[in-house]
Amino acid sequence: MEIRRDLSQRDPLAHGTAVTIGAYDGVHTGHRKVIAEVCRLAVERSLTSAVLTFDRHPASVVRPGSAPLLLADIDQKLEQLATTGVDMALVLPFDEERAGESAGSFIRDVLVDGMGIGLVVVGEDFHFGHQRLGNVAMLREAGAALGFEVIGLDLVGPNGMPARDHEQVSSTFIRRALARGDLKLANSMLGRPYEVRGVVGGGDRRGRELGFPTANVRVDPSILLPEDAVYAGWYERPDGSVFPAAISLGTRPQFHEDGDLLLEAHLLDVGGPDSGGPDLYDEVARVRFVRRLRGQLHFEGLDSLVDQLHRDVAETRAALA
């Protein structure tokens, strides 16, 4: 997949593009259905298939006080888009100037002059331009005048069928599912385990002293974390090696600490550096959440905590088997 970050290179697109447009946060199954249709139609019409997206979520500029936490950073989004088979991703900066651009200007300057579009494929609920005044009807009217085709697709549900409003696959619904701990629903809408990334930082030694060393993964605060709980999942190192992991996400109520949210991953059958295990500090980890095991608990003593940690490890093995 070719990645472009501006509209300066026009010639390779002169013969036309089939494009879909959106934030594409999470690149979930609904997004993939739209992109698959773009790719199919592009081949049918001898066009270049493309996704037009933005370098940040538009809401972070338009309404920063209520912008959603993200399901993926820009690198994750581009990695997922590359798996769809689309020919090109165009990543435009979204700033105050872009936010103030009228829907008509966006059609003329970006889609027609910048991309040479022959076809636009979007969901029927698509809105764009200043104050979201642009919609599918406006695109169809412009297409009739400027010579491009517009297809609006119905929204889909988790089963791939047309959705009612309360069950549609969307980034918003995935965020809600993760926030309430419904990992099964969130992962089904994503089509894969939810993943976050972060740098492994230092922490105290209590986990190691209890026999359960953990990697303390510091995730960018703009990324959404699931509900505080214990999960079974996977930990991937920068070299591509993947380990089963029991993952704790919460504020460590057992130790009455200062309330900082911690994501701690205990790699099964992997000791800490003191016992010959790998040194994970300062590496970028990928943590995937597969199954929610239990909520966060406060234990009467360390013995009961250690007993529960052994159960968590056993349940993690079973969940990932």
C-alpha atoms as a PDB file:
ATOM      1  CA  MET A   1       0.000   0.000   0.000  1.00  0.00           C
ATOM      2  CA  GLU A   2       1.301   3.412  -0.968  1.00  0.00           C
ATOM      3  CA  ILE A   3       1.066   6.105   1.727  1.00  0.00           C
ATOM      4  CA  ARG A   4       0.794   9.780   0.834  1.00  0.00           C
ATOM      5  CA  ARG A   5       0.573  12.710   3.202  1.00  0.00           C
ATOM      6  CA  ASP A   6      -0.271  15.535   0.797  1.00  0.00           C
ATOM      7  CA  LEU A   7      -1.835  16.213  -2.587  1.00  0.00           C
ATOM      8  CA  SER A   8       1.285  17.476  -4.347  1.00  0.00           C
ATOM      9  CA  GLN A   9       1.838  14.342  -6.449  1.00  0.00           C
ATOM     10  CA  ARG A  10      -1.047  14.315  -8.877  1.00  0.00           C
ATOM     11  CA  ASP A  11       0.129  12.481 -12.004  1.00  0.00           C
ATOM     12  CA  PRO A  12      -0.115   8.850 -10.774  1.00  0.00           C
ATOM     13  CA  LEU A  13      -3.786   9.466  -9.960  1.00  0.00           C
ATOM     14  CA  ALA A  14      -4.637  11.143 -13.249  1.00  0.00           C
ATOM     15  CA  HIS A  15      -6.536   8.129 -14.517  1.00  0.00           C
ATOM     16  CA  GLY A  16      -8.855   8.290 -11.498  1.00  0.00           C
ATOM     17  CA  THR A  17      -9.427   6.881  -8.065  1.00  0.00           C
ATOM     18  CA  ALA A  18     -12.137   5.044  -6.191  1.00  0.00           C
ATOM     19  CA  VAL A  19     -12.018   6.506  -2.694  1.00  0.00           C
ATOM     20  CA  THR A  20     -13.619   6.144   0.694  1.00  0.00           C
ATOM     21  CA  ILE A  21     -13.266   8.861   3.315  1.00  0.00           C
ATOM     22  CA  GLY A  22     -13.247   8.904   7.092  1.00  0.00           C
ATOM     23  CA  ALA A  23     -11.375   8.869  10.386  1.00  0.00           C
ATOM     24  CA  TYR A  24     -11.181   5.059  10.195  1.00  0.00           C
ATOM     25  CA  ASP A  25     -10.343   4.802  13.885  1.00  0.00           C
ATOM     26  CA  GLY A  26      -9.744   1.127  14.674  1.00  0.00           C
ATOM     27  CA  VAL A  27     -10.285  -0.086  11.069  1.00  0.00           C
ATOM     28  CA  HIS A  28     -13.122  -2.330  12.259  1.00  0.00           C
ATOM     29  CA  THR A  29     -15.248  -4.821  10.331  1.00  0.00           C
ATOM     30  CA  GLY A  30     -17.614  -2.120   9.107  1.00  0.00           C
ATOM     31  CA  HIS A  31     -14.684  -0.139   7.719  1.00  0.00           C
ATOM     32  CA  ARG A  32     -13.330  -3.255   6.076  1.00  0.00           C
ATOM     33  CA  LYS A  33     -16.618  -3.941   4.328  1.00  0.00           C
ATOM     34  CA  VAL A  34     -16.564  -0.451   2.814  1.00  0.00           C
ATOM     35  CA  ILE A  35     -12.910  -0.758   1.760  1.00  0.00           C
ATOM     36  CA  ALA A  36     -13.522  -4.189   0.236  1.00  0.00           C
ATOM     37  CA  GLU A  37     -16.274  -2.689  -1.896  1.00  0.00           C
ATOM     38  CA  VAL A  38     -13.972   0.161  -2.937  1.00  0.00           C
ATOM     39  CA  CYS A  39     -11.298  -2.333  -3.972  1.00  0.00           C
ATOM     40  CA  ARG A  40     -13.792  -4.467  -5.904  1.00  0.00           C
ATOM     41  CA  LEU A  41     -15.266  -1.530  -7.766  1.00  0.00           C
ATOM     42  CA  ALA A  42     -11.833  -0.035  -8.474  1.00  0.00           C
ATOM     43  CA  VAL A  43     -10.780  -3.216 -10.258  1.00  0.00           C
ATOM     44  CA  GLU A  44     -14.080  -3.307 -12.135  1.00  0.00           C
ATOM     45  CA  ARG A  45     -13.679   0.324 -13.298  1.00  0.00           C
ATOM     46  CA  SER A  46      -9.849   0.328 -13.742  1.00  0.00           C
ATOM     47  CA  LEU A  47      -9.376   2.892 -10.964  1.00  0.00           C
ATOM     48  CA  THR A  48      -6.866   3.227  -8.128  1.00  0.00           C
ATOM     49  CA  SER A  49      -8.447   2.221  -4.820  1.00  0.00           C
ATOM     50  CA  ALA A  50      -7.799   4.684  -1.994  1.00  0.00           C
ATOM     51  CA  VAL A  51      -8.666   5.538   1.583  1.00  0.00           C
ATOM     52  CA  LEU A  52      -8.635   9.222   2.477  1.00  0.00           C
ATOM     53  CA  THR A  53      -8.114   9.680   6.192  1.00  0.00           C
ATOM     54  CA  PHE A  54      -6.591  12.224   8.590  1.00  0.00           C
ATOM     55  CA  ASP A  55      -3.513  12.503  10.772  1.00  0.00           C
ATOM     56  CA  ARG A  56      -5.685  12.976  13.881  1.00  0.00           C
ATOM     57  CA  HIS A  57      -9.321  12.509  14.801  1.00  0.00           C
ATOM     58  CA  PRO A  58     -11.270  15.525  13.487  1.00  0.00           C
ATOM     59  CA  ALA A  59     -13.034  15.863  16.846  1.00  0.00           C
ATOM     60  CA  SER A  60      -9.693  16.651  18.521  1.00  0.00           C
ATOM     61  CA  VAL A  61      -9.710  19.923  16.549  1.00  0.00           C
ATOM     62  CA  VAL A  62     -13.432  20.646  16.209  1.00  0.00           C
ATOM     63  CA  ARG A  63     -14.421  19.844  19.815  1.00  0.00           C
ATOM     64  CA  PRO A  64     -11.247  19.090  21.786  1.00  0.00           C
ATOM     65  CA  GLY A  65     -13.031  19.115  25.140  1.00  0.00           C
ATOM     66  CA  SER A  66     -15.186  16.131  24.198  1.00  0.00           C
ATOM     67  CA  ALA A  67     -13.048  14.341  21.604  1.00  0.00           C
ATOM     68  CA  PRO A  68     -13.063  10.560  22.031  1.00  0.00           C
ATOM     69  CA  LEU A  69     -10.068   8.531  23.100  1.00  0.00           C
ATOM     70  CA  LEU A  70      -8.664   6.659  20.136  1.00  0.00           C
ATOM     71  CA  LEU A  71      -8.768   2.958  19.312  1.00  0.00           C
ATOM     72  CA  ALA A  72      -5.469   3.212  17.410  1.00  0.00           C
ATOM     73  CA  ASP A  73      -2.665   5.656  16.742  1.00  0.00           C
ATOM     74  CA  ILE A  74      -1.807   6.672  13.190  1.00  0.00           C
ATOM     75  CA  ASP A  75       0.815   3.934  12.792  1.00  0.00           C
ATOM     76  CA  GLN A  76      -1.628   1.232  13.871  1.00  0.00           C
ATOM     77  CA  LYS A  77      -4.286   2.620  11.564  1.00  0.00           C
ATOM     78  CA  LEU A  78      -1.966   2.541   8.568  1.00  0.00           C
ATOM     79  CA  GLU A  79      -0.800  -0.985   9.427  1.00  0.00           C
ATOM     80  CA  GLN A  80      -4.407  -2.178   9.507  1.00  0.00           C
ATOM     81  CA  LEU A  81      -5.302  -0.352   6.292  1.00  0.00           C
ATOM     82  CA  ALA A  82      -2.366  -2.071   4.597  1.00  0.00           C
ATOM     83  CA  THR A  83      -3.995  -5.444   5.329  1.00  0.00           C
ATOM     84  CA  THR A  84      -7.180  -4.537   3.431  1.00  0.00           C
ATOM     85  CA  GLY A  85      -5.672  -4.675  -0.065  1.00  0.00           C
ATOM     86  CA  VAL A  86      -6.314  -0.998  -0.813  1.00  0.00           C
ATOM     87  CA  ASP A  87      -3.821   0.578  -3.230  1.00  0.00           C
ATOM     88  CA  MET A  88      -3.241   3.846  -1.412  1.00  0.00           C
ATOM     89  CA  ALA A  89      -3.847   5.694   1.838  1.00  0.00           C
ATOM     90  CA  LEU A  90      -3.882   9.481   1.712  1.00  0.00           C
ATOM     91  CA  VAL A  91      -3.322  10.968   5.184  1.00  0.00           C
ATOM     92  CA  LEU A  92      -4.276  14.644   5.250  1.00  0.00           C
ATOM     93  CA  PRO A  93      -3.433  16.989   8.125  1.00  0.00           C
ATOM     94  CA  PHE A  94      -6.569  17.982  10.024  1.00  0.00           C
ATOM     95  CA  ASP A  95      -6.153  21.452  11.503  1.00  0.00           C
ATOM     96  CA  GLU A  96      -8.228  24.594  12.011  1.00  0.00           C
ATOM     97  CA  GLU A  97      -8.001  25.433   8.322  1.00  0.00           C
ATOM     98  CA  ARG A  98      -9.243  21.997   7.315  1.00  0.00           C
ATOM     99  CA  ALA A  99     -12.006  22.166   9.926  1.00  0.00           C
ATOM    100  CA  GLY A 100     -13.217  25.443   8.411  1.00  0.00           C
ATOM    101  CA  GLU A 101     -13.201  24.152   4.839  1.00  0.00           C
ATOM    102  CA  SER A 102     -16.643  24.031   3.259  1.00  0.00           C
ATOM    103  CA  ALA A 103     -18.004  20.778   1.940  1.00  0.00           C
ATOM    104  CA  GLY A 104     -18.006  22.222  -1.578  1.00  0.00           C
ATOM    105  CA  SER A 105     -14.347  23.231  -1.363  1.00  0.00           C
ATOM    106  CA  PHE A 106     -13.418  19.788  -0.058  1.00  0.00           C
ATOM    107  CA  ILE A 107     -15.125  18.171  -3.034  1.00  0.00           C
ATOM    108  CA  ARG A 108     -13.461  20.457  -5.594  1.00  0.00           C
ATOM    109  CA  ASP A 109      -9.989  20.929  -4.108  1.00  0.00           C
ATOM    110  CA  VAL A 110      -9.336  17.564  -2.485  1.00  0.00           C
ATOM    111  CA  LEU A 111     -11.480  14.998  -4.275  1.00  0.00           C
ATOM    112  CA  VAL A 112     -11.674  16.326  -7.836  1.00  0.00           C
ATOM    113  CA  ASP A 113      -8.501  18.412  -8.294  1.00  0.00           C
ATOM    114  CA  GLY A 114      -6.343  16.589  -5.758  1.00  0.00           C
ATOM    115  CA  MET A 115      -7.346  12.967  -6.307  1.00  0.00           C
ATOM    116  CA  GLY A 116      -9.048  12.877  -9.676  1.00  0.00           C
ATOM    117  CA  ILE A 117     -11.875  10.774  -8.282  1.00  0.00           C
ATOM    118  CA  GLY A 118     -14.087   8.627 -10.436  1.00  0.00           C
ATOM    119  CA  LEU A 119     -15.972   7.009  -7.550  1.00  0.00           C
ATOM    120  CA  VAL A 120     -16.713   7.775  -3.880  1.00  0.00           C
ATOM    121  CA  VAL A 121     -17.927   4.981  -1.581  1.00  0.00           C
ATOM    122  CA  VAL A 122     -19.069   5.933   1.935  1.00  0.00           C
ATOM    123  CA  GLY A 123     -21.634   4.932   4.527  1.00  0.00           C
ATOM    124  CA  GLU A 124     -25.083   6.452   4.133  1.00  0.00           C
ATOM    125  CA  ASP A 125     -24.528   8.377   7.400  1.00  0.00           C
ATOM    126  CA  PHE A 126     -21.361  10.077   6.093  1.00  0.00           C
ATOM    127  CA  HIS A 127     -20.959  13.807   6.841  1.00  0.00           C
ATOM    128  CA  PHE A 128     -18.058  16.125   6.016  1.00  0.00           C
ATOM    129  CA  GLY A 129     -16.964  19.729   5.651  1.00  0.00           C
ATOM    130  CA  HIS A 130     -17.435  22.715   7.951  1.00  0.00           C
ATOM    131  CA  GLN A 131     -20.067  21.980  10.608  1.00  0.00           C
ATOM    132  CA  ARG A 132     -20.579  18.586   8.921  1.00  0.00           C
ATOM    133  CA  LEU A 133     -22.926  20.182   6.381  1.00  0.00           C
ATOM    134  CA  GLY A 134     -21.804  17.871   3.583  1.00  0.00           C
ATOM    135  CA  ASN A 135     -23.584  14.526   3.183  1.00  0.00           C
ATOM    136  CA  VAL A 136     -24.171  11.761   0.660  1.00  0.00           C
ATOM    137  CA  ALA A 137     -26.919  13.711  -1.104  1.00  0.00           C
ATOM    138  CA  MET A 138     -24.525  16.637  -1.648  1.00  0.00           C
ATOM    139  CA  LEU A 139     -21.854  14.271  -2.948  1.00  0.00           C
ATOM    140  CA  ARG A 140     -24.317  12.775  -5.434  1.00  0.00           C
ATOM    141  CA  GLU A 141     -25.341  16.220  -6.655  1.00  0.00           C
ATOM    142  CA  ALA A 142     -21.685  17.246  -7.071  1.00  0.00           C
ATOM    143  CA  GLY A 143     -20.878  13.966  -8.765  1.00  0.00           C
ATOM    144  CA  ALA A 144     -23.600  14.500 -11.338  1.00  0.00           C
ATOM    145  CA  ALA A 145     -22.123  17.913 -12.145  1.00  0.00           C
ATOM    146  CA  LEU A 146     -18.416  17.054 -11.963  1.00  0.00           C
ATOM    147  CA  GLY A 147     -18.408  13.546 -13.393  1.00  0.00           C
ATOM    148  CA  PHE A 148     -17.907  11.089 -10.544  1.00  0.00           C
ATOM    149  CA  GLU A 149     -20.090   8.342  -9.122  1.00  0.00           C
ATOM    150  CA  VAL A 150     -21.238   8.108  -5.489  1.00  0.00           C
ATOM    151  CA  ILE A 151     -22.322   4.947  -3.669  1.00  0.00           C
ATOM    152  CA  GLY A 152     -23.731   5.091  -0.145  1.00  0.00           C
ATOM    153  CA  LEU A 153     -23.593   1.805   1.749  1.00  0.00           C
ATOM    154  CA  ASP A 154     -25.909   0.668   4.522  1.00  0.00           C
ATOM    155  CA  LEU A 155     -24.427   0.334   8.011  1.00  0.00           C
ATOM    156  CA  VAL A 156     -23.598  -3.184   9.145  1.00  0.00           C
ATOM    157  CA  GLY A 157     -24.021  -5.043  12.423  1.00  0.00           C
ATOM    158  CA  PRO A 158     -21.595  -7.434  14.166  1.00  0.00           C
ATOM    159  CA  ASN A 159     -22.965 -10.317  12.065  1.00  0.00           C
ATOM    160  CA  GLY A 160     -22.219  -8.486   8.816  1.00  0.00           C
ATOM    161  CA  MET A 161     -25.907  -7.906   8.058  1.00  0.00           C
ATOM    162  CA  PRO A 162     -27.598  -4.477   7.753  1.00  0.00           C
ATOM    163  CA  ALA A 163     -27.806  -2.924  11.207  1.00  0.00           C
ATOM    164  CA  ARG A 164     -30.373  -1.143  13.266  1.00  0.00           C
ATOM    165  CA  ASP A 165     -29.091   2.002  15.017  1.00  0.00           C
ATOM    166  CA  HIS A 166     -28.542   0.295  18.365  1.00  0.00           C
ATOM    167  CA  GLU A 167     -26.388  -2.512  16.962  1.00  0.00           C
ATOM    168  CA  GLN A 168     -24.316  -0.970  14.178  1.00  0.00           C
ATOM    169  CA  VAL A 169     -20.583  -1.556  14.015  1.00  0.00           C
ATOM    170  CA  SER A 170     -18.879   1.758  14.715  1.00  0.00           C
ATOM    171  CA  SER A 171     -15.838   3.133  16.512  1.00  0.00           C
ATOM    172  CA  THR A 172     -18.190   4.749  19.027  1.00  0.00           C
ATOM    173  CA  PHE A 173     -19.900   1.441  19.846  1.00  0.00           C
ATOM    174  CA  ILE A 174     -16.520  -0.288  20.198  1.00  0.00           C
ATOM    175  CA  ARG A 175     -15.381   2.383  22.666  1.00  0.00           C
ATOM    176  CA  ARG A 176     -18.534   1.888  24.709  1.00  0.00           C
ATOM    177  CA  ALA A 177     -18.062  -1.888  24.734  1.00  0.00           C
ATOM    178  CA  LEU A 178     -14.443  -1.575  25.901  1.00  0.00           C
ATOM    179  CA  ALA A 179     -15.356   0.948  28.587  1.00  0.00           C
ATOM    180  CA  ARG A 180     -17.895  -1.423  30.140  1.00  0.00           C
ATOM    181  CA  GLY A 181     -15.626  -4.448  29.832  1.00  0.00           C
ATOM    182  CA  ASP A 182     -17.474  -6.171  26.994  1.00  0.00           C
ATOM    183  CA  LEU A 183     -14.283  -7.323  25.323  1.00  0.00           C
ATOM    184  CA  LYS A 184     -16.037 -10.104  23.418  1.00  0.00           C
ATOM    185  CA  LEU A 185     -18.311  -7.645  21.609  1.00  0.00           C
ATOM    186  CA  ALA A 186     -15.523  -5.117  21.015  1.00  0.00           C
ATOM    187  CA  ASN A 187     -13.225  -7.748  19.523  1.00  0.00           C
ATOM    188  CA  SER A 188     -16.006  -9.139  17.338  1.00  0.00           C
ATOM    189  CA  MET A 189     -16.636  -5.663  15.891  1.00  0.00           C
ATOM    190  CA  LEU A 190     -12.906  -5.090  15.388  1.00  0.00           C
ATOM    191  CA  GLY A 191     -12.444  -8.524  13.853  1.00  0.00           C
ATOM    192  CA  ARG A 192      -9.320  -9.052  15.993  1.00  0.00           C
ATOM    193  CA  PRO A 193      -8.155  -8.649  19.620  1.00  0.00           C
ATOM    194  CA  TYR A 194      -7.980  -5.042  20.785  1.00  0.00           C
ATOM    195  CA  GLU A 195      -4.354  -3.878  20.868  1.00  0.00           C
ATOM    196  CA  VAL A 196      -2.555  -1.041  22.618  1.00  0.00           C
ATOM    197  CA  ARG A 197       1.105  -0.098  22.408  1.00  0.00           C
ATOM    198  CA  GLY A 198       3.491   1.584  24.772  1.00  0.00           C
ATOM    199  CA  VAL A 199       6.999   1.787  26.155  1.00  0.00           C
ATOM    200  CA  VAL A 200       7.899  -0.535  29.027  1.00  0.00           C
ATOM    201  CA  GLY A 201       8.918   1.547  32.023  1.00  0.00           C
ATOM    202  CA  GLY A 202      10.294   0.877  35.467  1.00  0.00           C
ATOM    203  CA  GLY A 203       8.104   0.000  38.431  1.00  0.00           C
ATOM    204  CA  ASP A 204       8.423  -1.405  41.886  1.00  0.00           C
ATOM    205  CA  ARG A 205       9.639  -4.935  42.512  1.00  0.00           C
ATOM    206  CA  ARG A 206       6.595  -6.307  44.307  1.00  0.00           C
ATOM    207  CA  GLY A 207       5.374  -8.375  41.388  1.00  0.00           C
ATOM    208  CA  ARG A 208       8.827  -9.862  40.942  1.00  0.00           C
ATOM    209  CA  GLU A 209       9.159 -10.564  44.665  1.00  0.00           C
ATOM    210  CA  LEU A 210       5.821 -12.398  44.590  1.00  0.00           C
ATOM    211  CA  GLY A 211       6.999 -14.551  41.699  1.00  0.00           C
ATOM    212  CA  PHE A 212       5.021 -12.703  39.025  1.00  0.00           C
ATOM    213  CA  PRO A 213       7.315 -10.177  37.291  1.00  0.00           C
ATOM    214  CA  THR A 214       5.458  -7.758  35.057  1.00  0.00           C
ATOM    215  CA  ALA A 215       6.167  -5.347  32.235  1.00  0.00           C
ATOM    216  CA  ASN A 216       4.710  -1.946  33.078  1.00  0.00           C
ATOM    217  CA  VAL A 217       3.497  -0.655  29.691  1.00  0.00           C
ATOM    218  CA  ARG A 218       2.990   3.091  29.463  1.00  0.00           C
ATOM    219  CA  VAL A 219       0.290   3.784  26.898  1.00  0.00           C
ATOM    220  CA  ASP A 220      -0.238   7.210  25.333  1.00  0.00           C
ATOM    221  CA  PRO A 221      -3.089   8.931  27.215  1.00  0.00           C
ATOM    222  CA  SER A 222      -4.896   9.629  23.924  1.00  0.00           C
ATOM    223  CA  ILE A 223      -5.491   5.868  23.470  1.00  0.00           C
ATOM    224  CA  LEU A 224      -8.527   4.182  25.019  1.00  0.00           C
ATOM    225  CA  LEU A 225      -7.845   1.459  27.586  1.00  0.00           C
ATOM    226  CA  PRO A 226     -10.475  -1.170  28.403  1.00  0.00           C
ATOM    227  CA  GLU A 227     -12.263  -1.328  31.726  1.00  0.00           C
ATOM    228  CA  ASP A 228     -10.024  -1.862  34.778  1.00  0.00           C
ATOM    229  CA  ALA A 229      -9.802  -5.647  35.032  1.00  0.00           C
ATOM    230  CA  VAL A 230      -7.557  -8.669  34.602  1.00  0.00           C
ATOM    231  CA  TYR A 231      -7.326 -10.076  31.077  1.00  0.00           C
ATOM    232  CA  ALA A 232      -5.795 -12.920  29.141  1.00  0.00           C
ATOM    233  CA  GLY A 233      -3.884 -11.738  26.128  1.00  0.00           C
ATOM    234  CA  TRP A 234      -0.684 -11.558  24.156  1.00  0.00           C
ATOM    235  CA  TYR A 235       2.500  -9.513  24.520  1.00  0.00           C
ATOM    236  CA  GLU A 236       4.559  -8.846  21.395  1.00  0.00           C
ATOM    237  CA  ARG A 237       8.146  -7.624  21.507  1.00  0.00           C
ATOM    238  CA  PRO A 238       9.744  -5.404  18.822  1.00  0.00           C
ATOM    239  CA  ASP A 239      11.454  -8.449  17.277  1.00  0.00           C
ATOM    240  CA  GLY A 240       8.050 -10.019  16.589  1.00  0.00           C
ATOM    241  CA  SER A 241       8.228 -12.667  19.319  1.00  0.00           C
ATOM    242  CA  VAL A 242       4.856 -13.152  21.012  1.00  0.00           C
ATOM    243  CA  PHE A 243       4.165 -14.422  24.537  1.00  0.00           C
ATOM    244  CA  PRO A 244       0.959 -15.361  26.349  1.00  0.00           C
ATOM    245  CA  ALA A 245       0.336 -12.868  29.124  1.00  0.00           C
ATOM    246  CA  ALA A 246      -1.892 -12.269  32.128  1.00  0.00           C
ATOM    247  CA  ILE A 247      -2.664  -8.561  31.948  1.00  0.00           C
ATOM    248  CA  SER A 248      -3.716  -6.386  34.864  1.00  0.00           C
ATOM    249  CA  LEU A 249      -5.205  -2.991  34.135  1.00  0.00           C
ATOM    250  CA  GLY A 250      -6.036  -0.818  37.128  1.00  0.00           C
ATOM    251  CA  THR A 251      -4.757   1.147  40.105  1.00  0.00           C
ATOM    252  CA  ARG A 252      -3.392  -1.753  42.227  1.00  0.00           C
ATOM    253  CA  PRO A 253      -5.913  -1.481  45.096  1.00  0.00           C
ATOM    254  CA  GLN A 254      -3.994  -4.103  47.090  1.00  0.00           C
ATOM    255  CA  PHE A 255      -1.162  -1.671  47.763  1.00  0.00           C
ATOM    256  CA  HIS A 256      -3.168   1.556  48.220  1.00  0.00           C
ATOM    257  CA  GLU A 257      -0.934   3.452  45.858  1.00  0.00           C
ATOM    258  CA  ASP A 258      -1.522   6.926  44.458  1.00  0.00           C
ATOM    259  CA  GLY A 259      -4.212   5.877  42.015  1.00  0.00           C
ATOM    260  CA  ASP A 260      -2.140   5.970  38.819  1.00  0.00           C
ATOM    261  CA  LEU A 261      -3.546   3.652  36.188  1.00  0.00           C
ATOM    262  CA  LEU A 262      -1.146   0.825  35.369  1.00  0.00           C
ATOM    263  CA  LEU A 263      -1.076  -1.716  32.576  1.00  0.00           C
ATOM    264  CA  GLU A 264       1.028  -4.640  33.794  1.00  0.00           C
ATOM    265  CA  ALA A 265       1.660  -7.713  31.673  1.00  0.00           C
ATOM    266  CA  HIS A 266       2.975 -10.918  33.244  1.00  0.00           C
ATOM    267  CA  LEU A 267       4.535 -13.046  30.507  1.00  0.00           C
ATOM    268  CA  LEU A 268       3.811 -16.694  31.215  1.00  0.00           C
ATOM    269  CA  ASP A 269       6.861 -18.896  31.787  1.00  0.00           C
ATOM    270  CA  VAL A 270       9.210 -15.937  31.276  1.00  0.00           C
ATOM    271  CA  GLY A 271      11.240 -14.754  34.251  1.00  0.00           C
ATOM    272  CA  GLY A 272      12.566 -11.283  34.842  1.00  0.00           C
ATOM    273  CA  PRO A 273      16.115 -10.177  33.963  1.00  0.00           C
ATOM    274  CA  ASP A 274      17.335 -11.298  37.385  1.00  0.00           C
ATOM    275  CA  SER A 275      16.451 -14.901  36.547  1.00  0.00           C
ATOM    276  CA  GLY A 276      17.725 -14.970  32.995  1.00  0.00           C
ATOM    277  CA  GLY A 277      14.614 -13.603  31.315  1.00  0.00           C
ATOM    278  CA  PRO A 278      14.666 -10.852  28.682  1.00  0.00           C
ATOM    279  CA  ASP A 279      15.180  -7.223  29.635  1.00  0.00           C
ATOM    280  CA  LEU A 280      11.964  -5.573  28.472  1.00  0.00           C
ATOM    281  CA  TYR A 281      12.683  -2.070  29.744  1.00  0.00           C
ATOM    282  CA  ASP A 282      12.378   0.788  27.227  1.00  0.00           C
ATOM    283  CA  GLU A 283      11.109  -1.444  24.438  1.00  0.00           C
ATOM    284  CA  VAL A 284       7.835  -0.746  22.641  1.00  0.00           C
ATOM    285  CA  ALA A 285       5.361  -3.491  23.494  1.00  0.00           C
ATOM    286  CA  ARG A 286       2.164  -4.491  21.746  1.00  0.00           C
ATOM    287  CA  VAL A 287      -0.444  -5.798  24.183  1.00  0.00           C
ATOM    288  CA  ARG A 288      -3.529  -7.598  22.846  1.00  0.00           C
ATOM    289  CA  PHE A 289      -6.601  -8.199  24.986  1.00  0.00           C
ATOM    290  CA  VAL A 290      -8.243 -11.546  24.251  1.00  0.00           C
ATOM    291  CA  ARG A 291     -10.542 -12.305  27.204  1.00  0.00           C
ATOM    292  CA  ARG A 292     -11.637 -10.538  30.373  1.00  0.00           C
ATOM    293  CA  LEU A 293     -10.972 -12.826  33.348  1.00  0.00           C
ATOM    294  CA  ARG A 294     -12.180 -10.823  36.359  1.00  0.00           C
ATOM    295  CA  GLY A 295     -12.527  -7.371  37.846  1.00  0.00           C
ATOM    296  CA  GLN A 296      -9.939  -5.750  40.093  1.00  0.00           C
ATOM    297  CA  LEU A 297     -10.100  -6.989  43.709  1.00  0.00           C
ATOM    298  CA  HIS A 298      -8.673  -6.030  47.092  1.00  0.00           C
ATOM    299  CA  PHE A 299      -7.204  -8.956  49.026  1.00  0.00           C
ATOM    300  CA  GLU A 300      -6.906  -9.430  52.782  1.00  0.00           C
ATOM    301  CA  GLY A 301      -3.259 -10.456  52.549  1.00  0.00           C
ATOM    302  CA  LEU A 302      -0.434 -11.370  50.219  1.00  0.00           C
ATOM    303  CA  ASP A 303      -1.149 -15.105  50.451  1.00  0.00           C
ATOM    304  CA  SER A 304      -4.651 -14.659  49.053  1.00  0.00           C
ATOM    305  CA  LEU A 305      -3.272 -12.341  46.361  1.00  0.00           C
ATOM    306  CA  VAL A 306      -0.660 -14.911  45.297  1.00  0.00           C
ATOM    307  CA  ASP A 307      -3.309 -17.650  45.206  1.00  0.00           C
ATOM    308  CA  GLN A 308      -5.426 -15.502  42.917  1.00  0.00           C
ATOM    309  CA  LEU A 309      -2.444 -14.719  40.671  1.00  0.00           C
ATOM    310  CA  HIS A 310      -1.860 -18.449  40.225  1.00  0.00           C
ATOM    311  CA  ARG A 311      -5.527 -18.828  39.241  1.00  0.00           C
ATOM    312  CA  ASP A 312      -5.210 -15.911  36.813  1.00  0.00           C
ATOM    313  CA  VAL A 313      -2.248 -17.596  35.119  1.00  0.00           C
ATOM    314  CA  ALA A 314      -4.104 -20.896  34.844  1.00  0.00           C
ATOM    315  CA  GLU A 315      -7.172 -19.148  33.372  1.00  0.00           C
ATOM    316  CA  THR A 316      -4.932 -17.281  30.946  1.00  0.00           C
ATOM    317  CA  ARG A 317      -3.462 -20.544  29.694  1.00  0.00           C
ATOM    318  CA  ALA A 318      -6.948 -21.973  29.211  1.00  0.00           C
ATOM    319  CA  ALA A 319      -8.234 -18.857  27.449  1.00  0.00           C
ATOM    320  CA  LEU A 320      -5.322 -18.755  25.001  1.00  0.00           C
ATOM    321  CA  ALA A 321      -5.011 -22.511  24.403  1.00  0.00           C
END
